[in-house]
Amino acid sequence: MAQKPIRIPVNVATGKARPGQDVAALKQQAANFPGVGMTLPSYRYDPRDTHRLPGPTVVKQRRWHRFKERFSVKRFFIALFILLALVGGFLGAKFLYNAQKIFGGSILSVLDTTKLKGEDVGRVNILLAGNSADDVGHDGGKLTDSIMLMSIDTRNNKAFLMSVPRDLYVPIEKNGHAKINAAYVYGEEDSFKEDGLPEGGMGLLQKTVEENLGIDINYSALVNYNALRQAVDAVGGVDFTVKSDDPRGLYDPNIDYKTKGPLVKLTNGPHELNGQQALNLARARGDSYRSYGYAQSDFTRTENQRKLIVALKTKAATAGVIANPAKIGSLADAIGGNVQTNFKLNEVRRLYDISKKIPANNITSVGLNDVDGKGKNLLVSYSAPGGQSALIPAAGIDDFSDIQAFLKRKTSSNPVVQEGARIVVLNGTTSDGLASTKKKALTSKNLMVVKTGDAQVNQATTTVIDVSGGKKTATRKLLGDMYKNSFTTVNPYSAIYDADFIIIVGSDQIPKATSTNSQ
């Protein structure tokens, strides 16, 4: 029976013997087994290299090098798994720490989700306020110079952002009239507390916005300006396109004390902004001497703020951020250290799920100075007692009816309300009060009647003058159902009324009992 050949641990490719093996002993062992079919050339001993065997051929060898290779790969993947587990654990712990710091409650609630307030009616409204309390030495640092309303249409996956001007002159509970940016400060000083509202400054600010703008707010958040800088840096900068009416772009010569340069100096066109540049752009009003590109001063500033929020959301949702643990960790730190809110952790989870369905092009920017992009301004300048420059509703001080109607239209899921058609009702009969009666009927159907009056001539049948140019289709359909499609485009009142539809109420709309009595 042939003896089992020895498997000499030699790497055929490199000629290296296994470390620790004596080459002479290997040659002797091979000589004792002539059937192995192996030749070993002469070898000259070199004390500097006792493990080298020049190019032997081995029929059977113990493939130690392959075992080592498999073993090393296995160890590599084990080490990689441990590293990822540690990173994931670190980020998870960081996220949970920051989440608990912001939202409170049990950290396990992040695994759960719950309906948001307002989701049952398809609309979630969030009040965002920003101040400079984190900027040591900044005058009036606690004033909320940035106030924004974010309204989410949860049924149609749309949203809009609207800035509330910091200079809006409003009545503030127990504090008389003041600019709205002072409401937070008053609430903090007075330790504001009321059921259904956050405590302190954000509670009083929310109540002030709700009462004057006529909108229900479901959640609120206070954000230090530092959060914007850190968040933008965390995602690696944001893309921002300057579209100024001035061909030079945007320029605000106020000094940025970090860079020692101007606050903003950007040409028209696309830019990639870092955190400090984004923060400077969010702050700049362009109201200093030699500024340019800020045609509407604070309105331009708030428009830039809304654009920056959308740009940040877009960048944070990219694969380069989501798949980068370092960026996610930094983003968590930026939020955790600079945000106060009344969202609960499981509500934030739901908000995240909803926001994923809203693309950036479904988020619109809204301003009270440019309603529906038509240049209509619902605000006018006002000199407050003491000479302070402020803003009030164009309809008059404390008359927020037009602003409330605008917001009702923007936050409604009813297409008729969304169209916001302006309707004039004219009485074309001898029956007194008929126009007012019809106004109530139209208002009950969410139509906006802006004026009532008497027609130039009486008529037997009701006529609806369509001045909308066919753009208010939902309203036209509703009015057609109510008045038997009695439309015309001939408008003898064009020089008198600014409206989308003018309804001339005829005798056919007089209640029968009233008609009989009048005869």
Protein backbone atom coordinates (compact mmCIF):
# COMPACT_ATOMS: atom_id res chain seq x y z
CA MET A 1 0.00 0.00 0.00
CA ALA A 2 1.45 3.27 -1.04
CA GLN A 3 2.17 5.71 1.71
CA LYS A 4 0.21 8.91 1.80
CA PRO A 5 2.29 11.68 0.28
CA ILE A 6 3.25 14.62 2.38
CA ARG A 7 1.48 17.90 1.52
CA ILE A 8 4.33 20.32 1.64
CA PRO A 9 3.09 23.86 2.49
CA VAL A 10 4.62 25.65 -0.45
CA ASN A 11 3.11 28.56 -2.38
CA VAL A 12 3.72 27.52 -5.99
CA ALA A 13 3.31 31.06 -7.27
CA THR A 14 5.82 32.71 -4.94
CA GLY A 15 8.02 29.84 -3.87
CA LYS A 16 7.56 30.70 -0.20
CA ALA A 17 7.59 27.94 2.39
CA ARG A 18 5.29 28.16 5.36
CA PRO A 19 6.84 30.42 8.01
CA GLY A 20 8.67 28.38 10.64
CA GLN A 21 9.38 25.40 8.33
CA ASP A 22 12.97 24.22 7.81
CA VAL A 23 13.72 23.89 4.09
CA ALA A 24 16.31 21.12 4.53
CA ALA A 25 13.85 19.03 6.52
CA LEU A 26 11.26 19.46 3.79
CA LYS A 27 13.74 18.16 1.19
CA GLN A 28 14.55 15.15 3.30
CA GLN A 29 10.87 14.29 3.83
CA ALA A 30 10.22 14.54 0.10
CA ALA A 31 13.17 12.23 -0.66
CA ASN A 32 11.59 9.50 1.51
CA PHE A 33 8.51 9.44 -0.72
CA PRO A 34 9.68 8.97 -4.30
CA GLY A 35 6.17 8.40 -5.57
CA VAL A 36 5.16 11.92 -4.82
CA GLY A 37 6.28 13.09 -8.24
CA MET A 38 8.01 16.18 -6.99
CA THR A 39 11.41 17.64 -7.77
CA LEU A 40 13.25 19.96 -5.46
CA PRO A 41 16.10 21.91 -7.03
CA SER A 42 19.27 22.59 -5.12
CA TYR A 43 18.93 25.27 -2.51
CA ARG A 44 21.63 27.47 -1.12
CA TYR A 45 21.00 28.52 2.47
CA ASP A 46 20.68 32.23 2.97
CA PRO A 47 20.29 33.37 6.62
CA ARG A 48 18.51 36.49 5.45
CA ASP A 49 15.78 34.42 3.83
CA THR A 50 15.30 31.09 5.52
CA HIS A 51 11.75 30.62 4.23
CA ARG A 52 12.22 30.94 0.45
CA LEU A 53 12.04 27.84 -1.73
CA PRO A 54 12.75 28.63 -5.42
CA GLY A 55 9.86 27.55 -7.60
CA PRO A 56 9.02 23.93 -6.64
CA THR A 57 6.10 22.07 -8.17
CA VAL A 58 3.93 20.20 -5.68
CA VAL A 59 1.39 17.58 -6.80
CA LYS A 60 -0.54 17.74 -3.58
CA GLN A 61 -0.21 20.61 -1.17
CA ARG A 62 -2.05 21.81 1.82
CA ARG A 63 -3.42 25.02 0.38
CA TRP A 64 -2.71 27.00 3.50
CA HIS A 65 -2.59 30.30 1.65
CA ARG A 66 -6.15 29.84 0.45
CA PHE A 67 -7.34 29.02 3.92
CA LYS A 68 -5.63 32.17 5.16
CA GLU A 69 -7.28 34.15 2.39
CA ARG A 70 -10.74 32.84 3.26
CA PHE A 71 -10.07 33.44 6.90
CA SER A 72 -8.93 37.02 6.25
CA VAL A 73 -11.99 37.83 4.12
CA LYS A 74 -14.23 36.42 6.82
CA ARG A 75 -12.52 38.52 9.46
CA PHE A 76 -12.83 41.58 7.21
CA PHE A 77 -16.60 41.18 6.87
CA ILE A 78 -16.98 40.54 10.58
CA ALA A 79 -15.01 43.71 11.30
CA LEU A 80 -17.07 45.64 8.72
CA PHE A 81 -20.32 44.39 10.26
CA ILE A 82 -19.15 45.43 13.72
CA LEU A 83 -18.13 48.85 12.37
CA LEU A 84 -21.50 49.36 10.69
CA ALA A 85 -23.28 48.19 13.81
CA LEU A 86 -21.31 50.68 15.88
CA VAL A 87 -21.98 53.51 13.40
CA GLY A 88 -25.64 52.56 13.20
CA GLY A 89 -25.84 52.32 16.96
CA PHE A 90 -24.11 55.67 17.30
CA LEU A 91 -26.42 57.34 14.80
CA GLY A 92 -29.42 55.59 16.28
CA ALA A 93 -28.45 56.71 19.75
CA LYS A 94 -27.76 60.22 18.44
CA PHE A 95 -31.11 60.32 16.66
CA LEU A 96 -32.99 59.03 19.68
CA TYR A 97 -31.17 61.41 21.98
CA ASN A 98 -31.97 64.40 19.80
CA ALA A 99 -35.50 63.17 19.16
CA GLN A 100 -36.22 62.76 22.85
CA LYS A 101 -34.69 66.17 23.55
CA ILE A 102 -36.97 67.83 20.99
CA PHE A 103 -40.17 65.84 21.21
CA GLY A 104 -40.10 64.23 24.65
CA GLY A 105 -41.97 61.02 25.45
CA SER A 106 -40.75 57.47 25.12
CA ILE A 107 -38.04 56.83 22.54
CA LEU A 108 -39.92 53.67 21.52
CA SER A 109 -42.69 55.82 20.06
CA VAL A 110 -40.45 56.39 17.03
CA LEU A 111 -41.45 52.87 16.00
CA ASP A 112 -45.10 53.90 16.04
CA THR A 113 -47.07 56.37 13.94
CA THR A 114 -50.29 58.24 14.55
CA LYS A 115 -52.57 60.53 12.59
CA LEU A 116 -51.69 64.18 12.71
CA LYS A 117 -54.09 66.81 13.98
CA GLY A 118 -55.99 68.11 10.98
CA GLU A 119 -55.29 65.04 8.87
CA ASP A 120 -58.94 63.93 9.14
CA VAL A 121 -60.00 67.06 7.24
CA GLY A 122 -57.04 66.80 4.86
CA ARG A 123 -55.11 69.86 6.05
CA VAL A 124 -52.25 70.15 8.57
CA ASN A 125 -51.09 73.69 9.41
CA ILE A 126 -47.72 74.29 11.08
CA LEU A 127 -46.48 77.60 12.47
CA LEU A 128 -42.70 78.10 12.13
CA ALA A 129 -40.93 80.92 13.92
CA GLY A 130 -37.25 81.83 13.90
CA ASN A 131 -35.26 84.11 16.16
CA SER A 132 -31.65 85.00 16.94
CA ALA A 133 -31.63 84.00 20.60
CA ASP A 134 -28.57 81.84 19.81
CA ASP A 135 -26.67 84.84 18.44
CA VAL A 136 -25.02 86.39 21.49
CA GLY A 137 -25.03 90.18 21.40
CA HIS A 138 -27.72 90.41 18.72
CA ASP A 139 -30.17 93.20 19.60
CA GLY A 140 -33.74 91.94 19.97
CA GLY A 141 -32.56 88.36 19.60
CA LYS A 142 -35.80 86.90 20.99
CA LEU A 143 -38.02 88.73 18.50
CA THR A 144 -39.34 86.23 15.96
CA ASP A 145 -38.20 88.07 12.86
CA SER A 146 -39.11 85.07 10.73
CA ILE A 147 -42.68 83.78 10.95
CA MET A 148 -43.92 81.28 8.43
CA LEU A 149 -47.01 79.17 7.92
CA MET A 150 -46.59 75.72 6.36
CA SER A 151 -49.86 74.22 5.19
CA ILE A 152 -49.94 70.60 4.00
CA ASP A 153 -52.71 69.17 1.84
CA THR A 154 -52.47 65.54 2.99
CA ARG A 155 -55.02 64.26 0.45
CA ASN A 156 -53.42 65.70 -2.67
CA ASN A 157 -49.77 65.65 -1.53
CA LYS A 158 -49.31 69.40 -1.88
CA ALA A 159 -48.12 72.14 0.43
CA PHE A 160 -47.54 75.87 0.54
CA LEU A 161 -45.32 78.16 2.57
CA MET A 162 -46.50 81.64 3.49
CA SER A 163 -44.49 84.26 5.33
CA VAL A 164 -46.18 86.44 7.94
CA PRO A 165 -44.37 89.81 7.87
CA ARG A 166 -42.62 90.55 11.15
CA ASP A 167 -43.84 94.18 10.93
CA LEU A 168 -47.54 93.25 10.74
CA TYR A 169 -49.31 95.49 13.25
CA VAL A 170 -51.79 93.41 15.26
CA PRO A 171 -53.65 93.34 18.56
CA ILE A 172 -51.87 91.01 21.01
CA GLU A 173 -53.79 89.70 24.00
CA LYS A 174 -53.17 91.83 27.15
CA ASN A 175 -50.49 93.83 25.35
CA GLY A 176 -52.43 96.14 23.03
CA HIS A 177 -51.23 96.67 19.47
CA ALA A 178 -47.68 95.82 18.44
CA LYS A 179 -45.71 94.24 15.66
CA ILE A 180 -46.42 90.55 15.49
CA ASN A 181 -42.76 89.62 16.04
CA ALA A 182 -43.11 90.81 19.64
CA ALA A 183 -45.84 88.30 20.53
CA TYR A 184 -43.31 85.59 21.39
CA VAL A 185 -41.40 87.92 23.72
CA TYR A 186 -44.61 88.97 25.52
CA GLY A 187 -45.65 85.35 25.92
CA GLU A 188 -42.32 84.48 27.49
CA GLU A 189 -42.41 87.47 29.83
CA ASP A 190 -46.01 86.78 30.90
CA SER A 191 -45.56 82.99 31.13
CA PHE A 192 -48.50 82.53 28.78
CA LYS A 193 -50.56 79.42 29.41
CA GLU A 194 -53.85 78.40 27.84
CA ASP A 195 -55.50 75.05 27.13
CA GLY A 196 -54.84 73.72 23.66
CA LEU A 197 -51.84 75.98 23.06
CA PRO A 198 -48.11 75.66 23.76
CA GLU A 199 -46.90 77.37 26.90
CA GLY A 200 -44.91 80.58 26.78
CA GLY A 201 -44.03 82.65 23.75
CA MET A 202 -45.01 80.19 21.04
CA GLY A 203 -48.46 79.80 22.59
CA LEU A 204 -49.17 83.55 22.48
CA LEU A 205 -47.72 83.84 18.97
CA GLN A 206 -49.91 80.98 17.76
CA LYS A 207 -53.01 82.52 19.31
CA THR A 208 -52.20 85.91 17.76
CA VAL A 209 -51.80 84.39 14.29
CA GLU A 210 -54.98 82.32 14.61
CA GLU A 211 -57.14 85.22 15.80
CA ASN A 212 -55.97 87.73 13.22
CA LEU A 213 -55.41 85.52 10.17
CA GLY A 214 -58.42 83.31 10.84
CA ILE A 215 -56.60 79.99 10.46
CA ASP A 216 -56.41 76.95 12.72
CA ILE A 217 -52.84 75.95 13.55
CA ASN A 218 -52.18 72.33 14.48
CA TYR A 219 -48.50 72.47 15.43
CA SER A 220 -45.74 75.00 16.01
CA ALA A 221 -41.96 75.05 16.10
CA LEU A 222 -39.39 77.63 17.20
CA VAL A 223 -36.10 77.46 15.33
CA ASN A 224 -32.86 79.27 16.14
CA TYR A 225 -31.16 80.76 13.10
CA ASN A 226 -28.15 78.56 13.87
CA ALA A 227 -30.24 75.54 12.83
CA LEU A 228 -30.32 76.73 9.21
CA ARG A 229 -26.55 77.19 9.05
CA GLN A 230 -25.82 73.81 10.63
CA ALA A 231 -28.46 71.96 8.61
CA VAL A 232 -27.21 73.34 5.29
CA ASP A 233 -23.63 72.42 6.17
CA ALA A 234 -24.79 68.97 7.32
CA VAL A 235 -26.20 68.12 3.88
CA GLY A 236 -23.20 69.55 2.06
CA GLY A 237 -24.73 72.84 0.91
CA VAL A 238 -27.89 73.69 -1.02
CA ASP A 239 -28.58 74.80 -4.58
CA PHE A 240 -30.15 78.24 -4.88
CA THR A 241 -30.97 80.18 -8.04
CA VAL A 242 -31.01 83.98 -7.83
CA LYS A 243 -33.64 85.61 -10.04
CA SER A 244 -33.39 89.29 -9.24
CA ASP A 245 -34.96 92.07 -11.29
CA ASP A 246 -31.59 93.80 -11.02
CA PRO A 247 -29.17 92.41 -13.67
CA ARG A 248 -26.36 92.46 -11.09
CA GLY A 249 -28.18 90.03 -8.78
CA LEU A 250 -28.38 90.51 -4.99
CA TYR A 251 -26.16 92.68 -2.82
CA ASP A 252 -26.43 93.66 0.83
CA PRO A 253 -23.32 95.53 2.06
CA ASN A 254 -23.97 94.89 5.76
CA ILE A 255 -20.95 93.11 7.21
CA ASP A 256 -20.93 89.38 7.86
CA TYR A 257 -18.78 89.30 10.99
CA LYS A 258 -17.66 85.74 10.34
CA THR A 259 -16.31 86.27 6.81
CA LYS A 260 -15.70 90.04 7.17
CA GLY A 261 -17.31 90.45 3.75
CA PRO A 262 -20.71 91.76 2.63
CA LEU A 263 -23.74 89.92 3.97
CA VAL A 264 -24.85 88.92 0.47
CA LYS A 265 -23.22 89.32 -2.93
CA LEU A 266 -24.67 86.90 -5.47
CA THR A 267 -25.03 87.16 -9.22
CA ASN A 268 -28.19 86.11 -11.01
CA GLY A 269 -28.17 82.40 -11.75
CA PRO A 270 -27.48 79.15 -9.87
CA HIS A 271 -25.28 79.01 -6.77
CA GLU A 272 -24.28 76.36 -4.25
CA LEU A 273 -24.54 77.95 -0.81
CA ASN A 274 -22.84 76.78 2.36
CA GLY A 275 -24.44 77.18 5.76
CA GLN A 276 -23.13 80.69 6.47
CA GLN A 277 -24.11 81.94 3.02
CA ALA A 278 -27.61 80.48 3.40
CA LEU A 279 -28.00 82.09 6.82
CA ASN A 280 -26.82 85.45 5.50
CA LEU A 281 -29.27 85.25 2.61
CA ALA A 282 -32.10 84.42 5.03
CA ARG A 283 -31.24 87.49 7.12
CA ALA A 284 -30.54 90.08 4.42
CA ARG A 285 -33.19 92.70 3.68
CA GLY A 286 -31.16 94.85 1.31
CA ASP A 287 -32.29 98.03 3.05
CA SER A 288 -28.82 99.57 3.44
CA TYR A 289 -27.23 102.21 1.25
CA ARG A 290 -25.79 100.77 -2.00
CA SER A 291 -27.88 97.57 -1.73
CA TYR A 292 -29.42 96.23 -4.92
CA GLY A 293 -31.73 93.41 -5.95
CA TYR A 294 -34.06 93.79 -2.95
CA ALA A 295 -36.93 95.58 -4.65
CA GLN A 296 -39.35 94.64 -1.88
CA SER A 297 -36.94 94.62 1.05
CA ASP A 298 -38.38 92.37 3.78
CA PHE A 299 -40.76 90.68 1.33
CA THR A 300 -37.75 89.68 -0.80
CA ARG A 301 -36.04 88.37 2.34
CA THR A 302 -39.01 86.22 3.34
CA GLU A 303 -39.34 84.90 -0.21
CA ASN A 304 -35.68 83.85 -0.08
CA GLN A 305 -36.32 82.13 3.25
CA ARG A 306 -39.13 80.06 1.74
CA LYS A 307 -36.93 79.09 -1.21
CA LEU A 308 -34.13 78.04 1.14
CA ILE A 309 -36.44 75.74 3.08
CA VAL A 310 -37.53 74.01 -0.12
CA ALA A 311 -33.89 73.76 -1.27
CA LEU A 312 -32.89 72.21 2.06
CA LYS A 313 -35.73 69.69 1.90
CA THR A 314 -34.74 68.75 -1.66
CA LYS A 315 -31.06 68.25 -0.76
CA ALA A 316 -31.81 66.31 2.44
CA ALA A 317 -33.90 63.83 0.42
CA THR A 318 -31.09 62.99 -2.02
CA ALA A 319 -29.33 59.63 -1.95
CA GLY A 320 -26.00 61.34 -1.21
CA VAL A 321 -27.37 62.51 2.12
CA ILE A 322 -29.62 59.60 3.07
CA ALA A 323 -26.81 57.08 2.46
CA ASN A 324 -24.19 59.11 4.32
CA PRO A 325 -24.11 58.34 8.08
CA ALA A 326 -21.94 61.39 8.87
CA LYS A 327 -24.37 63.78 7.15
CA ILE A 328 -27.39 62.20 8.80
CA GLY A 329 -25.68 62.49 12.19
CA SER A 330 -24.81 66.14 11.62
CA LEU A 331 -28.34 66.89 10.45
CA ALA A 332 -29.72 65.28 13.60
CA ASP A 333 -27.42 67.48 15.70
CA ALA A 334 -28.47 70.61 13.80
CA ILE A 335 -32.12 69.93 14.53
CA GLY A 336 -31.69 68.55 18.03
CA GLY A 337 -29.84 71.56 19.38
CA ASN A 338 -31.92 74.31 17.82
CA VAL A 339 -35.61 73.36 17.61
CA GLN A 340 -38.46 73.54 20.13
CA THR A 341 -41.82 72.11 19.09
CA ASN A 342 -45.05 70.58 20.35
CA PHE A 343 -44.84 67.68 17.89
CA LYS A 344 -44.67 64.27 19.54
CA LEU A 345 -42.19 61.69 18.27
CA ASN A 346 -44.79 59.41 16.67
CA GLU A 347 -46.37 62.47 15.02
CA VAL A 348 -43.02 63.40 13.53
CA ARG A 349 -42.77 59.89 12.14
CA ARG A 350 -46.14 60.43 10.45
CA LEU A 351 -45.08 63.88 9.19
CA TYR A 352 -42.00 62.29 7.64
CA ASP A 353 -44.12 59.64 5.90
CA ILE A 354 -46.39 62.36 4.48
CA SER A 355 -43.59 64.70 3.41
CA LYS A 356 -41.90 61.92 1.40
CA LYS A 357 -44.91 61.96 -0.93
CA ILE A 358 -44.66 65.71 -1.62
CA PRO A 359 -42.20 66.59 -4.40
CA ALA A 360 -40.52 69.98 -4.34
CA ASN A 361 -42.56 71.20 -7.33
CA ASN A 362 -45.74 70.62 -5.30
CA ILE A 363 -44.62 73.11 -2.65
CA THR A 364 -45.66 76.64 -3.57
CA SER A 365 -44.44 79.92 -2.12
CA VAL A 366 -47.11 82.42 -1.08
CA GLY A 367 -46.85 86.07 -0.06
CA LEU A 368 -49.47 88.53 1.15
CA ASN A 369 -47.86 91.17 -1.04
CA ASP A 370 -48.37 89.24 -4.27
CA VAL A 371 -51.63 87.32 -4.10
CA ASP A 372 -51.82 84.46 -6.60
CA GLY A 373 -48.86 85.92 -8.48
CA LYS A 374 -50.98 88.80 -9.77
CA GLY A 375 -49.21 91.55 -7.87
CA LYS A 376 -52.16 92.28 -5.60
CA ASN A 377 -50.94 93.42 -2.19
CA LEU A 378 -53.14 92.74 0.84
CA LEU A 379 -50.90 94.94 3.01
CA VAL A 380 -50.07 98.65 3.16
CA SER A 381 -47.48 100.66 5.08
CA TYR A 382 -48.48 102.23 8.37
CA SER A 383 -46.88 104.59 10.85
CA ALA A 384 -47.60 103.19 14.31
CA PRO A 385 -47.85 105.39 17.41
CA GLY A 386 -44.35 106.50 18.26
CA GLY A 387 -43.38 106.69 14.60
CA GLN A 388 -42.59 103.00 14.13
CA SER A 389 -42.89 101.78 10.56
CA ALA A 390 -45.31 98.87 10.30
CA LEU A 391 -47.72 97.04 7.99
CA ILE A 392 -51.50 96.76 8.26
CA PRO A 393 -54.18 95.11 6.07
CA ALA A 394 -54.97 97.03 2.90
CA ALA A 395 -58.63 96.94 3.98
CA GLY A 396 -57.76 99.02 7.06
CA ILE A 397 -56.28 98.60 10.51
CA ASP A 398 -57.54 95.41 12.21
CA ASP A 399 -59.61 94.52 9.12
CA PHE A 400 -58.15 91.12 8.22
CA SER A 401 -61.20 89.99 6.22
CA ASP A 402 -59.42 89.91 2.84
CA ILE A 403 -56.41 88.11 4.28
CA GLN A 404 -58.66 85.59 6.03
CA ALA A 405 -60.59 84.98 2.79
CA PHE A 406 -57.31 84.47 0.94
CA LEU A 407 -56.07 81.93 3.49
CA LYS A 408 -59.41 80.16 3.53
CA ARG A 409 -59.11 79.74 -0.20
CA LYS A 410 -55.53 78.48 0.01
CA THR A 411 -56.25 75.95 2.75
CA SER A 412 -59.50 74.55 1.41
CA SER A 413 -59.82 71.30 -0.53
CA ASN A 414 -63.09 72.54 -2.07
CA PRO A 415 -62.39 73.55 -5.72
CA VAL A 416 -64.98 76.32 -5.53
CA VAL A 417 -63.27 77.83 -2.49
CA GLN A 418 -59.84 77.37 -4.07
CA GLU A 419 -60.92 79.38 -7.11
CA GLY A 420 -61.98 82.26 -4.88
CA ALA A 421 -64.18 83.81 -7.53
CA ARG A 422 -65.27 87.37 -6.76
CA ILE A 423 -69.05 87.65 -7.11
CA VAL A 424 -71.26 90.73 -7.28
CA VAL A 425 -75.02 90.35 -6.73
CA LEU A 426 -77.35 93.02 -8.16
CA ASN A 427 -81.07 93.25 -7.54
CA GLY A 428 -82.94 93.47 -10.85
CA THR A 429 -86.39 93.65 -9.25
CA THR A 430 -88.51 95.99 -7.14
CA SER A 431 -88.37 93.56 -4.19
CA ASP A 432 -86.26 95.12 -1.45
CA GLY A 433 -83.46 93.11 0.12
CA LEU A 434 -83.37 90.42 -2.59
CA ALA A 435 -79.65 90.91 -3.29
CA SER A 436 -78.80 90.48 0.40
CA THR A 437 -80.93 87.33 0.59
CA LYS A 438 -79.14 85.85 -2.40
CA LYS A 439 -75.77 86.79 -0.89
CA LYS A 440 -76.53 84.62 2.15
CA ALA A 441 -77.52 81.69 -0.08
CA LEU A 442 -74.31 82.03 -2.11
CA THR A 443 -72.11 82.42 0.97
CA SER A 444 -73.57 79.23 2.44
CA LYS A 445 -72.16 77.43 -0.62
CA ASN A 446 -68.66 78.81 0.08
CA LEU A 447 -68.90 81.45 -2.64
CA MET A 448 -67.35 84.87 -2.00
CA VAL A 449 -69.73 87.76 -2.55
CA VAL A 450 -67.75 91.00 -2.54
CA LYS A 451 -70.52 93.46 -3.30
CA THR A 452 -74.32 93.80 -3.51
CA GLY A 453 -76.36 96.56 -5.13
CA ASP A 454 -79.13 97.43 -7.56
CA ALA A 455 -79.13 96.61 -11.26
CA GLN A 456 -79.45 99.34 -13.85
CA VAL A 457 -82.70 97.85 -15.18
CA ASN A 458 -85.26 95.37 -13.89
CA GLN A 459 -85.59 92.00 -15.57
CA ALA A 460 -87.84 88.96 -15.37
CA THR A 461 -85.19 86.24 -15.42
CA THR A 462 -81.88 85.98 -13.63
CA THR A 463 -78.71 86.46 -15.68
CA VAL A 464 -75.12 85.53 -14.73
CA ILE A 465 -72.42 87.61 -16.40
CA ASP A 466 -69.24 85.52 -16.69
CA VAL A 467 -66.24 87.83 -16.58
CA SER A 468 -63.79 85.07 -15.61
CA GLY A 469 -62.78 84.21 -19.14
CA GLY A 470 -63.63 80.58 -18.51
CA LYS A 471 -60.97 80.20 -15.78
CA LYS A 472 -63.33 79.62 -12.82
CA THR A 473 -64.86 76.35 -14.01
CA ALA A 474 -65.97 74.96 -10.63
CA THR A 475 -67.72 78.21 -9.74
CA ARG A 476 -69.35 78.46 -13.16
CA LYS A 477 -70.74 74.93 -12.80
CA LEU A 478 -72.20 75.69 -9.37
CA LEU A 479 -73.79 78.93 -10.55
CA GLY A 480 -75.10 77.16 -13.64
CA ASP A 481 -76.84 74.60 -11.44
CA MET A 482 -78.33 77.35 -9.30
CA TYR A 483 -79.49 79.65 -12.11
CA LYS A 484 -80.22 77.24 -15.00
CA ASN A 485 -77.08 78.11 -16.99
CA SER A 486 -78.34 81.58 -17.82
CA PHE A 487 -74.87 82.89 -18.71
CA THR A 488 -73.78 85.83 -20.82
CA THR A 489 -70.45 87.54 -21.40
CA VAL A 490 -71.96 90.94 -22.19
CA ASN A 491 -70.97 93.13 -19.24
CA PRO A 492 -72.47 96.64 -18.97
CA TYR A 493 -70.94 96.95 -15.47
CA SER A 494 -67.25 96.58 -16.41
CA ALA A 495 -66.44 100.15 -15.38
CA ILE A 496 -68.23 99.77 -12.05
CA TYR A 497 -67.41 96.37 -10.54
CA ASP A 498 -64.25 94.26 -10.37
CA ALA A 499 -65.60 90.73 -10.30
CA ASP A 500 -65.44 87.28 -11.90
CA PHE A 501 -69.21 86.85 -11.99
CA ILE A 502 -72.03 89.41 -11.76
CA ILE A 503 -75.44 88.00 -10.95
CA ILE A 504 -78.44 90.08 -11.99
CA VAL A 505 -81.24 88.67 -9.86
CA GLY A 506 -84.56 88.66 -11.78
CA SER A 507 -88.18 88.36 -10.72
CA ASP A 508 -87.98 84.57 -11.10
CA GLN A 509 -86.01 84.54 -7.83
CA ILE A 510 -88.66 86.34 -5.78
CA PRO A 511 -90.26 83.90 -3.32
CA LYS A 512 -93.85 83.14 -4.31
CA ALA A 513 -95.39 84.40 -1.10
CA THR A 514 -93.56 87.72 -1.43
CA SER A 515 -94.50 87.92 -5.13
CA THR A 516 -98.20 87.41 -4.31
CA ASN A 517 -98.16 90.00 -1.53
CA SER A 518 -96.52 92.56 -3.76
CA GLN A 519 -99.32 92.21 -6.29
